[in-house]
Every structure is written in structure tokens, then in C-alpha cells.
Amino acid sequence: MLFIAGLIGGTMNALAGGGSGITFAALVFTGMPPIVANATNTFAATFGYIAGVIGYRNHLQGYWRDLAWQMPLAFIGGLIGGWALLRTDPQVFAAAVPWLLLLATLLFMAGSQLERAAAQLGGARMRAIGASAIFLTCIYGGYFQGGFGILTLAALSLGGYTAVRTMNGMKLLFATVSSLAAISLFAAEGRIDWLGGLAVLLGIGIASYGAARLTDYVSDVSVKRASLSICWLVTAYAFYSTYG
């Protein structure tokens, strides 16, 4: 089951985001405590992020100068988020999950409006706002993986980026950096279920690379519509499983 969840989640993450909600739910379903499931999910997702970056590498050409100074922000953000998770009461975290997913989905749905607002900012101001948004998003990602990709796409929109494939590649790169930072803390405190994480990891790794290549043949509009539909389904399931 965890391997199949990894295949589904990896495909979603590579296309736009929201896949970590699927894999997180699957890990919790096996009986893992929510915080352990989230830490394990971060570990498993990271290797999918790496595979996705490789798949999108051609779409990142010409952007490495921007990425080089933003990656340290992503790493620091991941450390802060991971530290905060380890100090959160498990019951509080479990109750917050559906609301975190809802926030992320609403922001993704408003992506076009964010892009228009960003286009009216000056170049330097746009970059500053985008970098700040990436930093805050990576704090969120270190804390909780569900919806991380969606929030990152929204942050990139604020930074003035509009090409979906390039944004997906950037999203996966920032996710890799921030997640590695958080994993270092989770591993040090023994909060990762390595066996369960490995099963999810294998599925995510296979799906992420294949889905990244698939986007070369799928329109941007189709990718956005499919991803948003899946995100709403994941969010609805989270509310049902928590409060139903």
C-alpha cells in the first residue's frame, strides 16, 4: 500500500504538488503517530524531489543564478520548520493538518491572481517578495509536507515566475534543500520510520522522474486543472478523517 501511495504522490508532486498529502495519509493509516508519519513522509519525499529535479533539469537552465542565493534561505527555513514540528503537541498537529491543506489549496487556486499582482511590482521588489515567500514556505515545508509544493508554486508566482515547468523544477529543488535540513533534525531525534519510508520512497522516486518527463507532452492548463482537482480531494479527505 505504501509503495502505491508513493507512486501516486510522486506523480502529483512532479506535476504540481499535493502528493505528500496522499503519502502522509497512507503512513498514518498504517498506525504511525502523526508526527512520526510526517517526519517519515519528509524523508521519503526528498528522494522523489531529487528525481524530479533531474527530470526537470532542462527547464532550469538560465535560472541557476537566482537559485544559488535562494537555496540557503530554503535550508534555513527547513531547519526552523523541522525544529518547530518536533516541539509541537501531537494532538495539536493532527487537528491542524486539514486546515494546513486547505490553506495551501486556496493559495494554489489563486495562483493566476498572484501572478498578475506580481507582474505589477518592480523587478527588485518582486525578487525580494518572492525570496521572502520562499523562505516562509520552506519553514512550512520543514514543519509539514502536505501542500508544500502548492505553497511553493504560489511563492514562485509572487517572485514573478510564470512558466509552469520551470516553476515545478524550482519547487522540487527548494523542497529538496529544505527537506534535507529538516530530516537531519528528525533523524537525530529518532522520529523517522525508516522501513515505511523506504516503501514510499521507492514509489515516489519512480513516479517523480517519469511524471517530470511526461509534462513535456501535457499543456500547462491541463496540469494545473488536474493538480487542483486532486488537491481538493486530498483536503476533503483530511477533514473527513480528522473530524468525520
C-alpha atoms as a PDB file:
ATOM      1  CA  MET A   1       0.000   0.000   0.000  1.00  0.00           C
ATOM      2  CA  LEU A   2       2.775   2.443   0.887  1.00  0.00           C
ATOM      3  CA  PHE A   3       4.545   1.784  -2.413  1.00  0.00           C
ATOM      4  CA  ILE A   4       1.349   2.510  -4.376  1.00  0.00           C
ATOM      5  CA  ALA A   5       0.777   5.671  -2.335  1.00  0.00           C
ATOM      6  CA  GLY A   6       4.329   6.671  -3.241  1.00  0.00           C
ATOM      7  CA  LEU A   7       3.612   6.195  -6.951  1.00  0.00           C
ATOM      8  CA  ILE A   8       0.510   8.385  -6.751  1.00  0.00           C
ATOM      9  CA  GLY A   9       2.126  11.015  -4.546  1.00  0.00           C
ATOM     10  CA  GLY A  10       5.296  11.169  -6.622  1.00  0.00           C
ATOM     11  CA  THR A  11       3.304  11.756  -9.793  1.00  0.00           C
ATOM     12  CA  MET A  12       1.316  14.571  -8.186  1.00  0.00           C
ATOM     13  CA  ASN A  13       4.389  16.243  -6.699  1.00  0.00           C
ATOM     14  CA  ALA A  14       6.210  16.238 -10.021  1.00  0.00           C
ATOM     15  CA  LEU A  15       3.229  17.713 -11.880  1.00  0.00           C
ATOM     16  CA  ALA A  16       2.323  20.494  -9.453  1.00  0.00           C
ATOM     17  CA  GLY A  17       2.017  19.465  -5.804  1.00  0.00           C
ATOM     18  CA  GLY A  18      -0.301  17.934  -3.234  1.00  0.00           C
ATOM     19  CA  GLY A  19       1.134  14.422  -3.393  1.00  0.00           C
ATOM     20  CA  SER A  20       2.561  14.491   0.102  1.00  0.00           C
ATOM     21  CA  GLY A  21      -0.963  14.642   1.474  1.00  0.00           C
ATOM     22  CA  ILE A  22      -1.600  11.220  -0.079  1.00  0.00           C
ATOM     23  CA  THR A  23       1.570   9.632   1.279  1.00  0.00           C
ATOM     24  CA  PHE A  24       1.099  11.218   4.716  1.00  0.00           C
ATOM     25  CA  ALA A  25      -2.435   9.805   4.933  1.00  0.00           C
ATOM     26  CA  ALA A  26      -1.166   6.354   3.929  1.00  0.00           C
ATOM     27  CA  LEU A  27       1.534   6.413   6.612  1.00  0.00           C
ATOM     28  CA  VAL A  28      -0.962   7.449   9.297  1.00  0.00           C
ATOM     29  CA  PHE A  29      -3.310   4.683   8.105  1.00  0.00           C
ATOM     30  CA  THR A  30      -0.612   2.103   8.940  1.00  0.00           C
ATOM     31  CA  GLY A  31      -0.710   3.236  12.568  1.00  0.00           C
ATOM     32  CA  MET A  32       2.171   5.688  12.745  1.00  0.00           C
ATOM     33  CA  PRO A  33       1.786   8.654  15.125  1.00  0.00           C
ATOM     34  CA  PRO A  34       1.154  11.834  13.075  1.00  0.00           C
ATOM     35  CA  ILE A  35       4.500  13.478  13.829  1.00  0.00           C
ATOM     36  CA  VAL A  36       6.447  10.293  13.037  1.00  0.00           C
ATOM     37  CA  ALA A  37       4.385   9.899   9.853  1.00  0.00           C
ATOM     38  CA  ASN A  38       5.190  13.467   8.847  1.00  0.00           C
ATOM     39  CA  ALA A  39       8.915  13.056   9.529  1.00  0.00           C
ATOM     40  CA  THR A  40       8.920   9.771   7.599  1.00  0.00           C
ATOM     41  CA  ASN A  41       6.989  11.417   4.789  1.00  0.00           C
ATOM     42  CA  THR A  42       9.618  14.153   4.557  1.00  0.00           C
ATOM     43  CA  PHE A  43      12.386  11.555   4.324  1.00  0.00           C
ATOM     44  CA  ALA A  44      10.593   9.603   1.589  1.00  0.00           C
ATOM     45  CA  ALA A  45       9.531  12.659  -0.392  1.00  0.00           C
ATOM     46  CA  THR A  46      13.049  14.076  -0.562  1.00  0.00           C
ATOM     47  CA  PHE A  47      14.322  11.369  -2.882  1.00  0.00           C
ATOM     48  CA  GLY A  48      11.341  11.964  -5.145  1.00  0.00           C
ATOM     49  CA  TYR A  49      12.185  15.652  -5.165  1.00  0.00           C
ATOM     50  CA  ILE A  50      15.735  14.827  -6.252  1.00  0.00           C
ATOM     51  CA  ALA A  51      14.474  12.544  -9.030  1.00  0.00           C
ATOM     52  CA  GLY A  52      12.075  15.262 -10.144  1.00  0.00           C
ATOM     53  CA  VAL A  53      14.831  17.889 -10.269  1.00  0.00           C
ATOM     54  CA  ILE A  54      16.808  15.602 -12.569  1.00  0.00           C
ATOM     55  CA  GLY A  55      13.750  15.217 -14.778  1.00  0.00           C
ATOM     56  CA  TYR A  56      13.219  18.988 -14.939  1.00  0.00           C
ATOM     57  CA  ARG A  57      16.890  19.946 -15.282  1.00  0.00           C
ATOM     58  CA  ASN A  58      16.476  21.248 -18.839  1.00  0.00           C
ATOM     59  CA  HIS A  59      13.789  23.674 -17.682  1.00  0.00           C
ATOM     60  CA  LEU A  60      16.099  25.165 -15.026  1.00  0.00           C
ATOM     61  CA  GLN A  61      18.758  26.314 -17.466  1.00  0.00           C
ATOM     62  CA  GLY A  62      19.264  30.059 -17.218  1.00  0.00           C
ATOM     63  CA  TYR A  63      17.869  30.259 -13.672  1.00  0.00           C
ATOM     64  CA  TRP A  64      20.777  28.962 -11.592  1.00  0.00           C
ATOM     65  CA  ARG A  65      21.960  32.449 -10.664  1.00  0.00           C
ATOM     66  CA  ASP A  66      18.609  33.133  -8.980  1.00  0.00           C
ATOM     67  CA  LEU A  67      18.525  29.704  -7.376  1.00  0.00           C
ATOM     68  CA  ALA A  68      22.043  29.935  -5.933  1.00  0.00           C
ATOM     69  CA  TRP A  69      21.202  32.720  -3.492  1.00  0.00           C
ATOM     70  CA  GLN A  70      17.739  31.408  -2.642  1.00  0.00           C
ATOM     71  CA  MET A  71      18.804  27.863  -1.712  1.00  0.00           C
ATOM     72  CA  PRO A  72      20.441  28.948   1.599  1.00  0.00           C
ATOM     73  CA  LEU A  73      17.112  30.561   2.538  1.00  0.00           C
ATOM     74  CA  ALA A  74      15.390  27.258   1.810  1.00  0.00           C
ATOM     75  CA  PHE A  75      17.856  25.355   4.011  1.00  0.00           C
ATOM     76  CA  ILE A  76      17.451  27.720   6.973  1.00  0.00           C
ATOM     77  CA  GLY A  77      13.676  27.652   6.559  1.00  0.00           C
ATOM     78  CA  GLY A  78      13.685  23.851   6.615  1.00  0.00           C
ATOM     79  CA  LEU A  79      15.680  23.829   9.852  1.00  0.00           C
ATOM     80  CA  ILE A  80      13.251  26.227  11.533  1.00  0.00           C
ATOM     81  CA  GLY A  81      10.204  24.258  10.404  1.00  0.00           C
ATOM     82  CA  GLY A  82      11.662  20.914  11.458  1.00  0.00           C
ATOM     83  CA  TRP A  83      12.593  22.288  14.866  1.00  0.00           C
ATOM     84  CA  ALA A  84       9.051  23.645  15.332  1.00  0.00           C
ATOM     85  CA  LEU A  85       7.466  20.292  14.414  1.00  0.00           C
ATOM     86  CA  LEU A  86       9.490  18.405  16.999  1.00  0.00           C
ATOM     87  CA  ARG A  87       8.182  20.757  19.672  1.00  0.00           C
ATOM     88  CA  THR A  88       4.509  20.625  18.702  1.00  0.00           C
ATOM     89  CA  ASP A  89       1.992  18.624  20.732  1.00  0.00           C
ATOM     90  CA  PRO A  90       0.958  15.594  18.586  1.00  0.00           C
ATOM     91  CA  GLN A  91      -2.778  16.171  19.107  1.00  0.00           C
ATOM     92  CA  VAL A  92      -2.483  19.818  18.123  1.00  0.00           C
ATOM     93  CA  PHE A  93      -0.575  18.832  14.992  1.00  0.00           C
ATOM     94  CA  ALA A  94      -3.147  16.201  13.972  1.00  0.00           C
ATOM     95  CA  ALA A  95      -6.004  18.706  14.327  1.00  0.00           C
ATOM     96  CA  ALA A  96      -4.130  21.328  12.284  1.00  0.00           C
ATOM     97  CA  VAL A  97      -3.386  19.113   9.262  1.00  0.00           C
ATOM     98  CA  PRO A  98      -6.707  19.628   7.361  1.00  0.00           C
ATOM     99  CA  TRP A  99      -6.509  23.394   7.816  1.00  0.00           C
ATOM    100  CA  LEU A 100      -2.936  23.489   6.559  1.00  0.00           C
ATOM    101  CA  LEU A 101      -4.000  21.584   3.447  1.00  0.00           C
ATOM    102  CA  LEU A 102      -6.992  23.879   2.903  1.00  0.00           C
ATOM    103  CA  LEU A 103      -4.793  26.980   3.114  1.00  0.00           C
ATOM    104  CA  ALA A 104      -2.350  25.533   0.608  1.00  0.00           C
ATOM    105  CA  THR A 105      -5.104  24.576  -1.846  1.00  0.00           C
ATOM    106  CA  LEU A 106      -6.727  28.020  -1.697  1.00  0.00           C
ATOM    107  CA  LEU A 107      -3.395  29.697  -2.371  1.00  0.00           C
ATOM    108  CA  PHE A 108      -2.752  27.431  -5.335  1.00  0.00           C
ATOM    109  CA  MET A 109      -6.217  28.197  -6.703  1.00  0.00           C
ATOM    110  CA  ALA A 110      -5.365  31.911  -6.507  1.00  0.00           C
ATOM    111  CA  GLY A 111      -2.146  31.384  -8.454  1.00  0.00           C
ATOM    112  CA  SER A 112      -3.190  33.409 -11.528  1.00  0.00           C
ATOM    113  CA  GLN A 113      -4.204  36.364  -9.352  1.00  0.00           C
ATOM    114  CA  LEU A 114      -0.858  36.179  -7.572  1.00  0.00           C
ATOM    115  CA  GLU A 115       0.925  36.202 -10.921  1.00  0.00           C
ATOM    116  CA  ARG A 116      -0.937  39.330 -12.042  1.00  0.00           C
ATOM    117  CA  ALA A 117      -0.168  41.107  -8.773  1.00  0.00           C
ATOM    118  CA  ALA A 118       3.493  40.142  -9.019  1.00  0.00           C
ATOM    119  CA  ALA A 119       3.708  41.450 -12.592  1.00  0.00           C
ATOM    120  CA  GLN A 120       2.887  44.955 -11.336  1.00  0.00           C
ATOM    121  CA  LEU A 121       5.773  45.024  -8.879  1.00  0.00           C
ATOM    122  CA  GLY A 122       9.181  46.423  -9.738  1.00  0.00           C
ATOM    123  CA  GLY A 123      11.931  43.928 -10.553  1.00  0.00           C
ATOM    124  CA  ALA A 124      13.917  44.319  -7.316  1.00  0.00           C
ATOM    125  CA  ARG A 125      10.779  44.485  -5.192  1.00  0.00           C
ATOM    126  CA  MET A 126       9.371  41.409  -6.908  1.00  0.00           C
ATOM    127  CA  ARG A 127      12.543  39.421  -6.220  1.00  0.00           C
ATOM    128  CA  ALA A 128      12.562  40.483  -2.560  1.00  0.00           C
ATOM    129  CA  ILE A 129       8.928  39.490  -2.049  1.00  0.00           C
ATOM    130  CA  GLY A 130       9.490  36.208  -3.878  1.00  0.00           C
ATOM    131  CA  ALA A 131      12.561  35.346  -1.795  1.00  0.00           C
ATOM    132  CA  SER A 132      10.698  36.148   1.438  1.00  0.00           C
ATOM    133  CA  ALA A 133       7.807  33.965   0.316  1.00  0.00           C
ATOM    134  CA  ILE A 134      10.184  31.088  -0.490  1.00  0.00           C
ATOM    135  CA  PHE A 135      11.766  31.381   2.968  1.00  0.00           C
ATOM    136  CA  LEU A 136       8.392  31.276   4.735  1.00  0.00           C
ATOM    137  CA  THR A 137       7.221  28.431   2.516  1.00  0.00           C
ATOM    138  CA  CYS A 138      10.298  26.368   3.380  1.00  0.00           C
ATOM    139  CA  ILE A 139       9.607  26.899   7.081  1.00  0.00           C
ATOM    140  CA  TYR A 140       6.160  25.438   6.390  1.00  0.00           C
ATOM    141  CA  GLY A 141       7.722  22.571   4.405  1.00  0.00           C
ATOM    142  CA  GLY A 142      10.091  21.698   7.223  1.00  0.00           C
ATOM    143  CA  TYR A 143       7.077  21.595   9.525  1.00  0.00           C
ATOM    144  CA  PHE A 144       4.601  19.772   7.275  1.00  0.00           C
ATOM    145  CA  GLN A 145       4.988  18.287   3.793  1.00  0.00           C
ATOM    146  CA  GLY A 146       1.324  18.236   2.804  1.00  0.00           C
ATOM    147  CA  GLY A 147       0.623  21.145   0.471  1.00  0.00           C
ATOM    148  CA  PHE A 148       4.273  22.213   0.450  1.00  0.00           C
ATOM    149  CA  GLY A 149       4.532  22.032  -3.324  1.00  0.00           C
ATOM    150  CA  ILE A 150       1.356  24.059  -3.770  1.00  0.00           C
ATOM    151  CA  LEU A 151       2.597  26.815  -1.469  1.00  0.00           C
ATOM    152  CA  THR A 152       5.961  26.873  -3.217  1.00  0.00           C
ATOM    153  CA  LEU A 153       4.288  27.414  -6.587  1.00  0.00           C
ATOM    154  CA  ALA A 154       2.338  30.306  -5.076  1.00  0.00           C
ATOM    155  CA  ALA A 155       5.575  31.778  -3.689  1.00  0.00           C
ATOM    156  CA  LEU A 156       7.253  31.480  -7.078  1.00  0.00           C
ATOM    157  CA  SER A 157       4.297  33.287  -8.641  1.00  0.00           C
ATOM    158  CA  LEU A 158       4.925  36.165  -6.236  1.00  0.00           C
ATOM    159  CA  GLY A 159       8.524  36.182  -7.440  1.00  0.00           C
ATOM    160  CA  GLY A 160       7.342  36.767 -10.993  1.00  0.00           C
ATOM    161  CA  TYR A 161       7.830  33.279 -12.445  1.00  0.00           C
ATOM    162  CA  THR A 162       5.135  32.089 -14.850  1.00  0.00           C
ATOM    163  CA  ALA A 163       6.440  29.058 -16.806  1.00  0.00           C
ATOM    164  CA  VAL A 164       4.849  26.026 -15.145  1.00  0.00           C
ATOM    165  CA  ARG A 165       7.630  23.556 -15.965  1.00  0.00           C
ATOM    166  CA  THR A 166      10.361  25.893 -14.734  1.00  0.00           C
ATOM    167  CA  MET A 167       8.362  26.595 -11.581  1.00  0.00           C
ATOM    168  CA  ASN A 168       7.931  22.868 -10.967  1.00  0.00           C
ATOM    169  CA  GLY A 169      11.683  22.336 -11.269  1.00  0.00           C
ATOM    170  CA  MET A 170      12.387  25.195  -8.855  1.00  0.00           C
ATOM    171  CA  LYS A 171       9.734  23.909  -6.479  1.00  0.00           C
ATOM    172  CA  LEU A 172      11.365  20.482  -6.356  1.00  0.00           C
ATOM    173  CA  LEU A 173      14.834  21.971  -5.856  1.00  0.00           C
ATOM    174  CA  PHE A 174      13.735  24.154  -2.929  1.00  0.00           C
ATOM    175  CA  ALA A 175      11.845  21.190  -1.484  1.00  0.00           C
ATOM    176  CA  THR A 176      14.997  19.064  -1.680  1.00  0.00           C
ATOM    177  CA  VAL A 177      17.132  21.609   0.153  1.00  0.00           C
ATOM    178  CA  SER A 178      14.635  22.444   2.910  1.00  0.00           C
ATOM    179  CA  SER A 179      13.659  18.805   3.457  1.00  0.00           C
ATOM    180  CA  LEU A 180      17.268  17.671   3.840  1.00  0.00           C
ATOM    181  CA  ALA A 181      17.651  20.292   6.568  1.00  0.00           C
ATOM    182  CA  ALA A 182      14.539  19.065   8.405  1.00  0.00           C
ATOM    183  CA  ILE A 183      15.500  15.396   8.006  1.00  0.00           C
ATOM    184  CA  SER A 184      18.782  15.998   9.817  1.00  0.00           C
ATOM    185  CA  LEU A 185      16.787  17.044  12.893  1.00  0.00           C
ATOM    186  CA  PHE A 186      14.194  14.271  12.601  1.00  0.00           C
ATOM    187  CA  ALA A 187      16.873  11.589  12.297  1.00  0.00           C
ATOM    188  CA  ALA A 188      18.802  12.968  15.272  1.00  0.00           C
ATOM    189  CA  GLU A 189      15.695  12.597  17.468  1.00  0.00           C
ATOM    190  CA  GLY A 190      14.701   9.171  16.105  1.00  0.00           C
ATOM    191  CA  ARG A 191      11.403  10.315  14.571  1.00  0.00           C
ATOM    192  CA  ILE A 192      11.716   8.535  11.193  1.00  0.00           C
ATOM    193  CA  ASP A 193      10.268   5.076  10.464  1.00  0.00           C
ATOM    194  CA  TRP A 194      12.959   4.009   8.014  1.00  0.00           C
ATOM    195  CA  LEU A 195      11.241   0.846   6.731  1.00  0.00           C
ATOM    196  CA  GLY A 196       7.927   2.534   5.994  1.00  0.00           C
ATOM    197  CA  GLY A 197       9.759   5.482   4.495  1.00  0.00           C
ATOM    198  CA  LEU A 198      11.698   3.214   2.160  1.00  0.00           C
ATOM    199  CA  ALA A 199       8.496   1.719   0.720  1.00  0.00           C
ATOM    200  CA  VAL A 200       7.095   5.177  -0.005  1.00  0.00           C
ATOM    201  CA  LEU A 201      10.473   6.378  -1.270  1.00  0.00           C
ATOM    202  CA  LEU A 202      10.671   3.716  -3.971  1.00  0.00           C
ATOM    203  CA  GLY A 203       7.247   4.595  -5.334  1.00  0.00           C
ATOM    204  CA  ILE A 204       7.913   8.338  -5.233  1.00  0.00           C
ATOM    205  CA  GLY A 205      11.310   8.037  -6.911  1.00  0.00           C
ATOM    206  CA  ILE A 206       9.973   6.017  -9.842  1.00  0.00           C
ATOM    207  CA  ALA A 207       6.920   8.212 -10.360  1.00  0.00           C
ATOM    208  CA  SER A 208       8.637  11.589  -9.935  1.00  0.00           C
ATOM    209  CA  TYR A 209      11.118  11.137 -12.747  1.00  0.00           C
ATOM    210  CA  GLY A 210       8.549   9.678 -15.135  1.00  0.00           C
ATOM    211  CA  ALA A 211       5.963  12.375 -14.404  1.00  0.00           C
ATOM    212  CA  ALA A 212       8.530  15.135 -14.858  1.00  0.00           C
ATOM    213  CA  ARG A 213       9.236  13.851 -18.361  1.00  0.00           C
ATOM    214  CA  LEU A 214       5.512  13.486 -19.063  1.00  0.00           C
ATOM    215  CA  THR A 215       4.874  17.203 -18.575  1.00  0.00           C
ATOM    216  CA  ASP A 216       6.746  17.921 -21.811  1.00  0.00           C
ATOM    217  CA  TYR A 217       3.707  16.494 -23.609  1.00  0.00           C
ATOM    218  CA  VAL A 218       0.918  17.934 -21.448  1.00  0.00           C
ATOM    219  CA  SER A 219      -0.373  21.529 -21.562  1.00  0.00           C
ATOM    220  CA  ASP A 220       0.159  23.876 -18.603  1.00  0.00           C
ATOM    221  CA  VAL A 221      -3.600  24.378 -18.240  1.00  0.00           C
ATOM    222  CA  SER A 222      -4.245  20.628 -18.050  1.00  0.00           C
ATOM    223  CA  VAL A 223      -1.535  20.193 -15.421  1.00  0.00           C
ATOM    224  CA  LYS A 224      -2.977  22.983 -13.264  1.00  0.00           C
ATOM    225  CA  ARG A 225      -6.557  21.724 -13.534  1.00  0.00           C
ATOM    226  CA  ALA A 226      -5.675  18.126 -12.721  1.00  0.00           C
ATOM    227  CA  SER A 227      -3.478  19.122  -9.795  1.00  0.00           C
ATOM    228  CA  LEU A 228      -6.102  21.437  -8.306  1.00  0.00           C
ATOM    229  CA  SER A 229      -8.768  18.724  -8.516  1.00  0.00           C
ATOM    230  CA  ILE A 230      -6.531  16.266  -6.707  1.00  0.00           C
ATOM    231  CA  CYS A 231      -5.658  18.847  -4.059  1.00  0.00           C
ATOM    232  CA  TRP A 232      -9.326  19.418  -3.257  1.00  0.00           C
ATOM    233  CA  LEU A 233      -9.881  15.665  -2.931  1.00  0.00           C
ATOM    234  CA  VAL A 234      -6.926  15.312  -0.552  1.00  0.00           C
ATOM    235  CA  THR A 235      -8.119  18.264   1.537  1.00  0.00           C
ATOM    236  CA  ALA A 236     -11.669  16.902   1.756  1.00  0.00           C
ATOM    237  CA  TYR A 237     -10.346  13.510   2.834  1.00  0.00           C
ATOM    238  CA  ALA A 238      -8.201  15.140   5.524  1.00  0.00           C
ATOM    239  CA  PHE A 239     -11.213  16.929   7.023  1.00  0.00           C
ATOM    240  CA  TYR A 240     -13.313  13.761   6.882  1.00  0.00           C
ATOM    241  CA  SER A 241     -10.662  11.567   8.506  1.00  0.00           C
ATOM    242  CA  THR A 242      -9.947  14.114  11.248  1.00  0.00           C
ATOM    243  CA  TYR A 243     -13.409  15.432  12.079  1.00  0.00           C
ATOM    244  CA  GLY A 244     -15.796  12.970  10.379  1.00  0.00           C
END
